[in-house]
Amino acid sequence: MKATRTLVVSIGAVAGLALGWFLAGRHVTRHRADLFSASRIKRLAALSYLAGQERVETVRLLKDYIAWEPTAALRKRAGRIVARLESQLT
């Protein structure tokens, strides 16, 4: 009986983790095109998505974004992402 309960709890934990992972990925994917949105939250989500895209086009896009972005904190975050991507791409 104890083994059955442990199995059920383990399956529930894995299912919850998988569902959380899926929903977080869906949220970021949905907002990846919102880099130039009026909403700061959407721009932050787009930056989070682009941080995982290791391409030259991403660096170019983020440099344009840095020139456009009115919020200093988001410009700084984008700058850190650009620096990391540039070091990885060279």
PDB file of N, CA and C in Angstrom:
ATOM      1  N   MET A   1       0.820  -1.188   0.000  1.00  0.00           N
ATOM      2  CA  MET A   1       0.000   0.000   0.000  1.00  0.00           C
ATOM      3  C   MET A   1       0.862   1.250   0.000  1.00  0.00           C
ATOM      4  N   LYS A   2       1.954   1.247   0.780  1.00  0.00           N
ATOM      5  CA  LYS A   2       2.842   2.394   0.840  1.00  0.00           C
ATOM      6  C   LYS A   2       3.562   2.592  -0.493  1.00  0.00           C
ATOM      7  N   ALA A   3       3.910   1.511  -1.157  1.00  0.00           N
ATOM      8  CA  ALA A   3       4.568   1.598  -2.459  1.00  0.00           C
ATOM      9  C   ALA A   3       3.629   2.195  -3.500  1.00  0.00           C
ATOM     10  N   THR A   4       2.358   1.875  -3.432  1.00  0.00           N
ATOM     11  CA  THR A   4       1.366   2.416  -4.359  1.00  0.00           C
ATOM     12  C   THR A   4       1.208   3.920  -4.145  1.00  0.00           C
ATOM     13  N   ARG A   5       1.162   4.344  -2.899  1.00  0.00           N
ATOM     14  CA  ARG A   5       1.040   5.772  -2.593  1.00  0.00           C
ATOM     15  C   ARG A   5       2.276   6.527  -3.087  1.00  0.00           C
ATOM     16  N   THR A   6       3.444   5.971  -2.870  1.00  0.00           N
ATOM     17  CA  THR A   6       4.687   6.593  -3.331  1.00  0.00           C
ATOM     18  C   THR A   6       4.692   6.712  -4.850  1.00  0.00           C
ATOM     19  N   LEU A   7       4.231   5.691  -5.535  1.00  0.00           N
ATOM     20  CA  LEU A   7       4.167   5.714  -6.990  1.00  0.00           C
ATOM     21  C   LEU A   7       3.209   6.789  -7.482  1.00  0.00           C
ATOM     22  N   VAL A   8       2.044   6.884  -6.855  1.00  0.00           N
ATOM     23  CA  VAL A   8       1.050   7.887  -7.246  1.00  0.00           C
ATOM     24  C   VAL A   8       1.593   9.292  -7.008  1.00  0.00           C
ATOM     25  N   VAL A   9       2.231   9.527  -5.875  1.00  0.00           N
ATOM     26  CA  VAL A   9       2.808  10.842  -5.578  1.00  0.00           C
ATOM     27  C   VAL A   9       3.919  11.168  -6.569  1.00  0.00           C
ATOM     28  N   SER A  10       4.746  10.203  -6.888  1.00  0.00           N
ATOM     29  CA  SER A  10       5.829  10.422  -7.847  1.00  0.00           C
ATOM     30  C   SER A  10       5.288  10.761  -9.231  1.00  0.00           C
ATOM     31  N   ILE A  11       4.292  10.045  -9.673  1.00  0.00           N
ATOM     32  CA  ILE A  11       3.674  10.319 -10.985  1.00  0.00           C
ATOM     33  C   ILE A  11       3.034  11.703 -10.982  1.00  0.00           C
ATOM     34  N   GLY A  12       2.377  12.070  -9.896  1.00  0.00           N
ATOM     35  CA  GLY A  12       1.769  13.402  -9.787  1.00  0.00           C
ATOM     36  C   GLY A  12       2.811  14.508  -9.829  1.00  0.00           C
ATOM     37  N   ALA A  13       3.933  14.296  -9.150  1.00  0.00           N
ATOM     38  CA  ALA A  13       4.995  15.297  -9.145  1.00  0.00           C
ATOM     39  C   ALA A  13       5.598  15.466 -10.532  1.00  0.00           C
ATOM     40  N   VAL A  14       5.848  14.375 -11.217  1.00  0.00           N
ATOM     41  CA  VAL A  14       6.399  14.439 -12.577  1.00  0.00           C
ATOM     42  C   VAL A  14       5.398  15.099 -13.531  1.00  0.00           C
ATOM     43  N   ALA A  15       4.128  14.759 -13.395  1.00  0.00           N
ATOM     44  CA  ALA A  15       3.109  15.375 -14.251  1.00  0.00           C
ATOM     45  C   ALA A  15       3.006  16.875 -13.980  1.00  0.00           C
ATOM     46  N   GLY A  16       3.060  17.283 -12.726  1.00  0.00           N
ATOM     47  CA  GLY A  16       3.018  18.705 -12.376  1.00  0.00           C
ATOM     48  C   GLY A  16       4.217  19.454 -12.913  1.00  0.00           C
ATOM     49  N   LEU A  17       5.382  18.857 -12.819  1.00  0.00           N
ATOM     50  CA  LEU A  17       6.590  19.469 -13.354  1.00  0.00           C
ATOM     51  C   LEU A  17       6.507  19.612 -14.869  1.00  0.00           C
ATOM     52  N   ALA A  18       6.043  18.577 -15.525  1.00  0.00           N
ATOM     53  CA  ALA A  18       5.913  18.626 -16.989  1.00  0.00           C
ATOM     54  C   ALA A  18       4.893  19.688 -17.414  1.00  0.00           C
ATOM     55  N   LEU A  19       3.794  19.784 -16.711  1.00  0.00           N
ATOM     56  CA  LEU A  19       2.780  20.782 -17.033  1.00  0.00           C
ATOM     57  C   LEU A  19       3.319  22.195 -16.812  1.00  0.00           C
ATOM     58  N   GLY A  20       4.025  22.413 -15.718  1.00  0.00           N
ATOM     59  CA  GLY A  20       4.627  23.720 -15.451  1.00  0.00           C
ATOM     60  C   GLY A  20       5.638  24.102 -16.517  1.00  0.00           C
ATOM     61  N   TRP A  21       6.465  23.158 -16.918  1.00  0.00           N
ATOM     62  CA  TRP A  21       7.460  23.401 -17.966  1.00  0.00           C
ATOM     63  C   TRP A  21       6.765  23.773 -19.276  1.00  0.00           C
ATOM     64  N   PHE A  22       5.724  23.050 -19.623  1.00  0.00           N
ATOM     65  CA  PHE A  22       4.984  23.314 -20.850  1.00  0.00           C
ATOM     66  C   PHE A  22       4.355  24.706 -20.830  1.00  0.00           C
ATOM     67  N   LEU A  23       3.702  25.053 -19.722  1.00  0.00           N
ATOM     68  CA  LEU A  23       3.029  26.352 -19.639  1.00  0.00           C
ATOM     69  C   LEU A  23       4.023  27.513 -19.663  1.00  0.00           C
ATOM     70  N   ALA A  24       5.161  27.368 -19.010  1.00  0.00           N
ATOM     71  CA  ALA A  24       6.181  28.424 -19.042  1.00  0.00           C
ATOM     72  C   ALA A  24       6.729  28.595 -20.458  1.00  0.00           C
ATOM     73  N   GLY A  25       7.002  27.509 -21.130  1.00  0.00           N
ATOM     74  CA  GLY A  25       7.480  27.579 -22.513  1.00  0.00           C
ATOM     75  C   GLY A  25       6.455  28.191 -23.444  1.00  0.00           C
ATOM     76  N   ARG A  26       5.209  27.872 -23.217  1.00  0.00           N
ATOM     77  CA  ARG A  26       4.127  28.430 -24.042  1.00  0.00           C
ATOM     78  C   ARG A  26       4.008  29.937 -23.843  1.00  0.00           C
ATOM     79  N   HIS A  27       4.158  30.379 -22.602  1.00  0.00           N
ATOM     80  CA  HIS A  27       4.087  31.808 -22.304  1.00  0.00           C
ATOM     81  C   HIS A  27       5.214  32.565 -23.007  1.00  0.00           C
ATOM     82  N   VAL A  28       6.411  32.052 -22.922  1.00  0.00           N
ATOM     83  CA  VAL A  28       7.553  32.719 -23.562  1.00  0.00           C
ATOM     84  C   VAL A  28       7.406  32.684 -25.076  1.00  0.00           C
ATOM     85  N   THR A  29       7.009  31.556 -25.627  1.00  0.00           N
ATOM     86  CA  THR A  29       6.848  31.442 -27.076  1.00  0.00           C
ATOM     87  C   THR A  29       5.770  32.393 -27.586  1.00  0.00           C
ATOM     88  N   ARG A  30       4.703  32.528 -26.833  1.00  0.00           N
ATOM     89  CA  ARG A  30       3.615  33.407 -27.252  1.00  0.00           C
ATOM     90  C   ARG A  30       4.066  34.861 -27.326  1.00  0.00           C
ATOM     91  N   HIS A  31       5.009  35.239 -26.471  1.00  0.00           N
ATOM     92  CA  HIS A  31       5.435  36.630 -26.412  1.00  0.00           C
ATOM     93  C   HIS A  31       6.764  36.913 -27.108  1.00  0.00           C
ATOM     94  N   ARG A  32       7.320  35.938 -27.792  1.00  0.00           N
ATOM     95  CA  ARG A  32       8.630  36.149 -28.414  1.00  0.00           C
ATOM     96  C   ARG A  32       8.601  37.217 -29.496  1.00  0.00           C
ATOM     97  N   ALA A  33       7.463  37.431 -30.100  1.00  0.00           N
ATOM     98  CA  ALA A  33       7.347  38.439 -31.157  1.00  0.00           C
ATOM     99  C   ALA A  33       7.054  39.825 -30.598  1.00  0.00           C
ATOM    100  N   ASP A  34       6.958  39.942 -29.298  1.00  0.00           N
ATOM    101  CA  ASP A  34       6.580  41.203 -28.669  1.00  0.00           C
ATOM    102  C   ASP A  34       7.773  42.037 -28.214  1.00  0.00           C
ATOM    103  N   LEU A  35       8.892  41.938 -28.885  1.00  0.00           N
ATOM    104  CA  LEU A  35      10.087  42.655 -28.471  1.00  0.00           C
ATOM    105  C   LEU A  35       9.890  44.164 -28.519  1.00  0.00           C
ATOM    106  N   PHE A  36       9.098  44.655 -29.457  1.00  0.00           N
ATOM    107  CA  PHE A  36       8.872  46.088 -29.589  1.00  0.00           C
ATOM    108  C   PHE A  36       7.454  46.472 -29.140  1.00  0.00           C
ATOM    109  N   SER A  37       6.887  45.691 -28.243  1.00  0.00           N
ATOM    110  CA  SER A  37       5.537  45.936 -27.728  1.00  0.00           C
ATOM    111  C   SER A  37       5.529  47.153 -26.795  1.00  0.00           C
ATOM    112  N   ALA A  38       4.359  47.708 -26.570  1.00  0.00           N
ATOM    113  CA  ALA A  38       4.214  48.811 -25.611  1.00  0.00           C
ATOM    114  C   ALA A  38       4.308  48.302 -24.167  1.00  0.00           C
ATOM    115  N   SER A  39       4.093  47.018 -23.947  1.00  0.00           N
ATOM    116  CA  SER A  39       4.111  46.433 -22.606  1.00  0.00           C
ATOM    117  C   SER A  39       5.524  45.997 -22.211  1.00  0.00           C
ATOM    118  N   ARG A  40       5.994  46.481 -21.060  1.00  0.00           N
ATOM    119  CA  ARG A  40       7.329  46.082 -20.572  1.00  0.00           C
ATOM    120  C   ARG A  40       7.401  44.585 -20.290  1.00  0.00           C
ATOM    121  N   ILE A  41       6.322  44.025 -19.760  1.00  0.00           N
ATOM    122  CA  ILE A  41       6.297  42.596 -19.436  1.00  0.00           C
ATOM    123  C   ILE A  41       6.449  41.762 -20.705  1.00  0.00           C
ATOM    124  N   LYS A  42       5.776  42.160 -21.758  1.00  0.00           N
ATOM    125  CA  LYS A  42       5.894  41.427 -23.026  1.00  0.00           C
ATOM    126  C   LYS A  42       7.300  41.564 -23.598  1.00  0.00           C
ATOM    127  N   ARG A  43       7.899  42.740 -23.454  1.00  0.00           N
ATOM    128  CA  ARG A  43       9.273  42.914 -23.938  1.00  0.00           C
ATOM    129  C   ARG A  43      10.242  42.055 -23.126  1.00  0.00           C
ATOM    130  N   LEU A  44      10.012  41.959 -21.822  1.00  0.00           N
ATOM    131  CA  LEU A  44      10.851  41.109 -20.980  1.00  0.00           C
ATOM    132  C   LEU A  44      10.716  39.644 -21.371  1.00  0.00           C
ATOM    133  N   ALA A  45       9.491  39.198 -21.647  1.00  0.00           N
ATOM    134  CA  ALA A  45       9.279  37.815 -22.090  1.00  0.00           C
ATOM    135  C   ALA A  45       9.976  37.565 -23.419  1.00  0.00           C
ATOM    136  N   ALA A  46       9.923  38.538 -24.320  1.00  0.00           N
ATOM    137  CA  ALA A  46      10.595  38.393 -25.614  1.00  0.00           C
ATOM    138  C   ALA A  46      12.105  38.314 -25.428  1.00  0.00           C
ATOM    139  N   LEU A  47      12.646  39.107 -24.521  1.00  0.00           N
ATOM    140  CA  LEU A  47      14.086  39.036 -24.240  1.00  0.00           C
ATOM    141  C   LEU A  47      14.465  37.666 -23.683  1.00  0.00           C
ATOM    142  N   SER A  48      13.630  37.128 -22.809  1.00  0.00           N
ATOM    143  CA  SER A  48      13.904  35.801 -22.246  1.00  0.00           C
ATOM    144  C   SER A  48      13.935  34.742 -23.338  1.00  0.00           C
ATOM    145  N   TYR A  49      13.022  34.843 -24.279  1.00  0.00           N
ATOM    146  CA  TYR A  49      13.012  33.902 -25.391  1.00  0.00           C
ATOM    147  C   TYR A  49      14.267  34.069 -26.251  1.00  0.00           C
ATOM    148  N   LEU A  50      14.589  35.307 -26.598  1.00  0.00           N
ATOM    149  CA  LEU A  50      15.725  35.552 -27.486  1.00  0.00           C
ATOM    150  C   LEU A  50      17.056  35.195 -26.841  1.00  0.00           C
ATOM    151  N   ALA A  51      17.123  35.185 -25.517  1.00  0.00           N
ATOM    152  CA  ALA A  51      18.363  34.816 -24.839  1.00  0.00           C
ATOM    153  C   ALA A  51      18.794  33.391 -25.190  1.00  0.00           C
ATOM    154  N   GLY A  52      17.850  32.555 -25.556  1.00  0.00           N
ATOM    155  CA  GLY A  52      18.165  31.172 -25.916  1.00  0.00           C
ATOM    156  C   GLY A  52      18.394  30.945 -27.398  1.00  0.00           C
ATOM    157  N   GLN A  53      18.285  31.981 -28.195  1.00  0.00           N
ATOM    158  CA  GLN A  53      18.444  31.861 -29.646  1.00  0.00           C
ATOM    159  C   GLN A  53      19.853  32.301 -30.038  1.00  0.00           C
ATOM    160  N   GLU A  54      20.736  31.376 -30.226  1.00  0.00           N
ATOM    161  CA  GLU A  54      22.133  31.681 -30.515  1.00  0.00           C
ATOM    162  C   GLU A  54      22.349  31.818 -32.019  1.00  0.00           C
ATOM    163  N   ARG A  55      21.960  32.985 -32.544  1.00  0.00           N
ATOM    164  CA  ARG A  55      22.117  33.259 -33.972  1.00  0.00           C
ATOM    165  C   ARG A  55      22.601  34.686 -34.163  1.00  0.00           C
ATOM    166  N   VAL A  56      23.261  34.928 -35.280  1.00  0.00           N
ATOM    167  CA  VAL A  56      23.738  36.266 -35.603  1.00  0.00           C
ATOM    168  C   VAL A  56      22.560  37.223 -35.761  1.00  0.00           C
ATOM    169  N   GLU A  57      21.455  36.742 -36.335  1.00  0.00           N
ATOM    170  CA  GLU A  57      20.274  37.582 -36.521  1.00  0.00           C
ATOM    171  C   GLU A  57      19.726  38.071 -35.181  1.00  0.00           C
ATOM    172  N   THR A  58      19.827  37.235 -34.158  1.00  0.00           N
ATOM    173  CA  THR A  58      19.361  37.619 -32.826  1.00  0.00           C
ATOM    174  C   THR A  58      20.189  38.773 -32.287  1.00  0.00           C
ATOM    175  N   VAL A  59      21.501  38.717 -32.476  1.00  0.00           N
ATOM    176  CA  VAL A  59      22.381  39.794 -32.013  1.00  0.00           C
ATOM    177  C   VAL A  59      22.035  41.095 -32.732  1.00  0.00           C
ATOM    178  N   ARG A  60      21.836  41.032 -34.018  1.00  0.00           N
ATOM    179  CA  ARG A  60      21.483  42.234 -34.784  1.00  0.00           C
ATOM    180  C   ARG A  60      20.155  42.815 -34.308  1.00  0.00           C
ATOM    181  N   LEU A  61      19.171  41.964 -34.110  1.00  0.00           N
ATOM    182  CA  LEU A  61      17.869  42.406 -33.635  1.00  0.00           C
ATOM    183  C   LEU A  61      17.982  43.061 -32.261  1.00  0.00           C
ATOM    184  N   LEU A  62      18.748  42.450 -31.370  1.00  0.00           N
ATOM    185  CA  LEU A  62      18.891  42.997 -30.028  1.00  0.00           C
ATOM    186  C   LEU A  62      19.640  44.330 -30.027  1.00  0.00           C
ATOM    187  N   LYS A  63      20.566  44.515 -30.935  1.00  0.00           N
ATOM    188  CA  LYS A  63      21.254  45.811 -31.031  1.00  0.00           C
ATOM    189  C   LYS A  63      20.283  46.903 -31.477  1.00  0.00           C
ATOM    190  N   ASP A  64      19.393  46.577 -32.398  1.00  0.00           N
ATOM    191  CA  ASP A  64      18.341  47.528 -32.788  1.00  0.00           C
ATOM    192  C   ASP A  64      17.415  47.801 -31.603  1.00  0.00           C
ATOM    193  N   TYR A  65      17.108  46.753 -30.875  1.00  0.00           N
ATOM    194  CA  TYR A  65      16.230  46.885 -29.713  1.00  0.00           C
ATOM    195  C   TYR A  65      16.859  47.801 -28.656  1.00  0.00           C
ATOM    196  N   ILE A  66      18.145  47.636 -28.400  1.00  0.00           N
ATOM    197  CA  ILE A  66      18.840  48.457 -27.403  1.00  0.00           C
ATOM    198  C   ILE A  66      18.760  49.935 -27.779  1.00  0.00           C
ATOM    199  N   ALA A  67      18.912  50.230 -29.054  1.00  0.00           N
ATOM    200  CA  ALA A  67      18.816  51.619 -29.509  1.00  0.00           C
ATOM    201  C   ALA A  67      17.399  52.170 -29.337  1.00  0.00           C
ATOM    202  N   TRP A  68      16.404  51.314 -29.407  1.00  0.00           N
ATOM    203  CA  TRP A  68      15.006  51.732 -29.322  1.00  0.00           C
ATOM    204  C   TRP A  68      14.468  51.767 -27.890  1.00  0.00           C
ATOM    205  N   GLU A  69      14.895  50.843 -27.051  1.00  0.00           N
ATOM    206  CA  GLU A  69      14.297  50.619 -25.730  1.00  0.00           C
ATOM    207  C   GLU A  69      14.394  51.851 -24.824  1.00  0.00           C
ATOM    208  N   PRO A  70      13.249  52.333 -24.311  1.00  0.00           N
ATOM    209  CA  PRO A  70      13.262  53.496 -23.419  1.00  0.00           C
ATOM    210  C   PRO A  70      13.591  53.162 -21.954  1.00  0.00           C
ATOM    211  N   THR A  71      13.447  51.910 -21.547  1.00  0.00           N
ATOM    212  CA  THR A  71      13.671  51.518 -20.154  1.00  0.00           C
ATOM    213  C   THR A  71      15.109  51.046 -19.951  1.00  0.00           C
ATOM    214  N   ALA A  72      15.807  51.692 -19.029  1.00  0.00           N
ATOM    215  CA  ALA A  72      17.223  51.391 -18.801  1.00  0.00           C
ATOM    216  C   ALA A  72      17.452  49.936 -18.363  1.00  0.00           C
ATOM    217  N   ALA A  73      16.602  49.410 -17.510  1.00  0.00           N
ATOM    218  CA  ALA A  73      16.788  48.040 -17.017  1.00  0.00           C
ATOM    219  C   ALA A  73      16.693  47.023 -18.156  1.00  0.00           C
ATOM    220  N   LEU A  74      15.749  47.224 -19.073  1.00  0.00           N
ATOM    221  CA  LEU A  74      15.613  46.297 -20.196  1.00  0.00           C
ATOM    222  C   LEU A  74      16.761  46.475 -21.189  1.00  0.00           C
ATOM    223  N   ARG A  75      17.234  47.712 -21.365  1.00  0.00           N
ATOM    224  CA  ARG A  75      18.410  47.925 -22.222  1.00  0.00           C
ATOM    225  C   ARG A  75      19.623  47.200 -21.656  1.00  0.00           C
ATOM    226  N   LYS A  76      19.790  47.279 -20.342  1.00  0.00           N
ATOM    227  CA  LYS A  76      20.925  46.622 -19.684  1.00  0.00           C
ATOM    228  C   LYS A  76      20.834  45.103 -19.836  1.00  0.00           C
ATOM    229  N   ARG A  77      19.652  44.555 -19.647  1.00  0.00           N
ATOM    230  CA  ARG A  77      19.461  43.103 -19.809  1.00  0.00           C
ATOM    231  C   ARG A  77      19.761  42.679 -21.244  1.00  0.00           C
ATOM    232  N   ALA A  78      19.263  43.444 -22.202  1.00  0.00           N
ATOM    233  CA  ALA A  78      19.520  43.125 -23.606  1.00  0.00           C
ATOM    234  C   ALA A  78      21.014  43.215 -23.901  1.00  0.00           C
ATOM    235  N   GLY A  79      21.691  44.200 -23.319  1.00  0.00           N
ATOM    236  CA  GLY A  79      23.137  44.329 -23.509  1.00  0.00           C
ATOM    237  C   GLY A  79      23.899  43.126 -22.980  1.00  0.00           C
ATOM    238  N   ARG A  80      23.474  42.616 -21.836  1.00  0.00           N
ATOM    239  CA  ARG A  80      24.120  41.407 -21.281  1.00  0.00           C
ATOM    240  C   ARG A  80      23.878  40.204 -22.188  1.00  0.00           C
ATOM    241  N   ILE A  81      22.682  40.111 -22.731  1.00  0.00           N
ATOM    242  CA  ILE A  81      22.383  38.996 -23.642  1.00  0.00           C
ATOM    243  C   ILE A  81      23.238  39.102 -24.898  1.00  0.00           C
ATOM    244  N   VAL A  82      23.361  40.315 -25.452  1.00  0.00           N
ATOM    245  CA  VAL A  82      24.177  40.517 -26.651  1.00  0.00           C
ATOM    246  C   VAL A  82      25.623  40.133 -26.368  1.00  0.00           C
ATOM    247  N   ALA A  83      26.156  40.573 -25.241  1.00  0.00           N
ATOM    248  CA  ALA A  83      27.546  40.249 -24.899  1.00  0.00           C
ATOM    249  C   ALA A  83      27.757  38.741 -24.800  1.00  0.00           C
ATOM    250  N   ARG A  84      26.810  38.059 -24.161  1.00  0.00           N
ATOM    251  CA  ARG A  84      26.930  36.599 -24.025  1.00  0.00           C
ATOM    252  C   ARG A  84      26.837  35.910 -25.378  1.00  0.00           C
ATOM    253  N   LEU A  85      25.878  36.338 -26.191  1.00  0.00           N
ATOM    254  CA  LEU A  85      25.711  35.710 -27.507  1.00  0.00           C
ATOM    255  C   LEU A  85      26.932  35.963 -28.386  1.00  0.00           C
ATOM    256  N   GLU A  86      27.466  37.165 -28.351  1.00  0.00           N
ATOM    257  CA  GLU A  86      28.654  37.466 -29.152  1.00  0.00           C
ATOM    258  C   GLU A  86      29.843  36.612 -28.748  1.00  0.00           C
ATOM    259  N   SER A  87      29.995  36.393 -27.420  1.00  0.00           N
ATOM    260  CA  SER A  87      31.112  35.551 -26.973  1.00  0.00           C
ATOM    261  C   SER A  87      30.905  34.083 -27.372  1.00  0.00           C
ATOM    262  N   GLN A  88      29.653  33.640 -27.434  1.00  0.00           N
ATOM    263  CA  GLN A  88      29.367  32.265 -27.812  1.00  0.00           C
ATOM    264  C   GLN A  88      29.487  32.048 -29.322  1.00  0.00           C
ATOM    265  N   LEU A  89      29.178  33.078 -30.088  1.00  0.00           N
ATOM    266  CA  LEU A  89      29.200  32.943 -31.543  1.00  0.00           C
ATOM    267  C   LEU A  89      30.588  33.101 -32.149  1.00  0.00           C
ATOM    268  N   THR A  90      31.536  33.644 -31.380  1.00  0.00           N
ATOM    269  CA  THR A  90      32.891  33.804 -31.931  1.00  0.00           C
ATOM    270  C   THR A  90      33.805  32.709 -31.503  1.00  0.00           C
TER     271      THR A  90
END
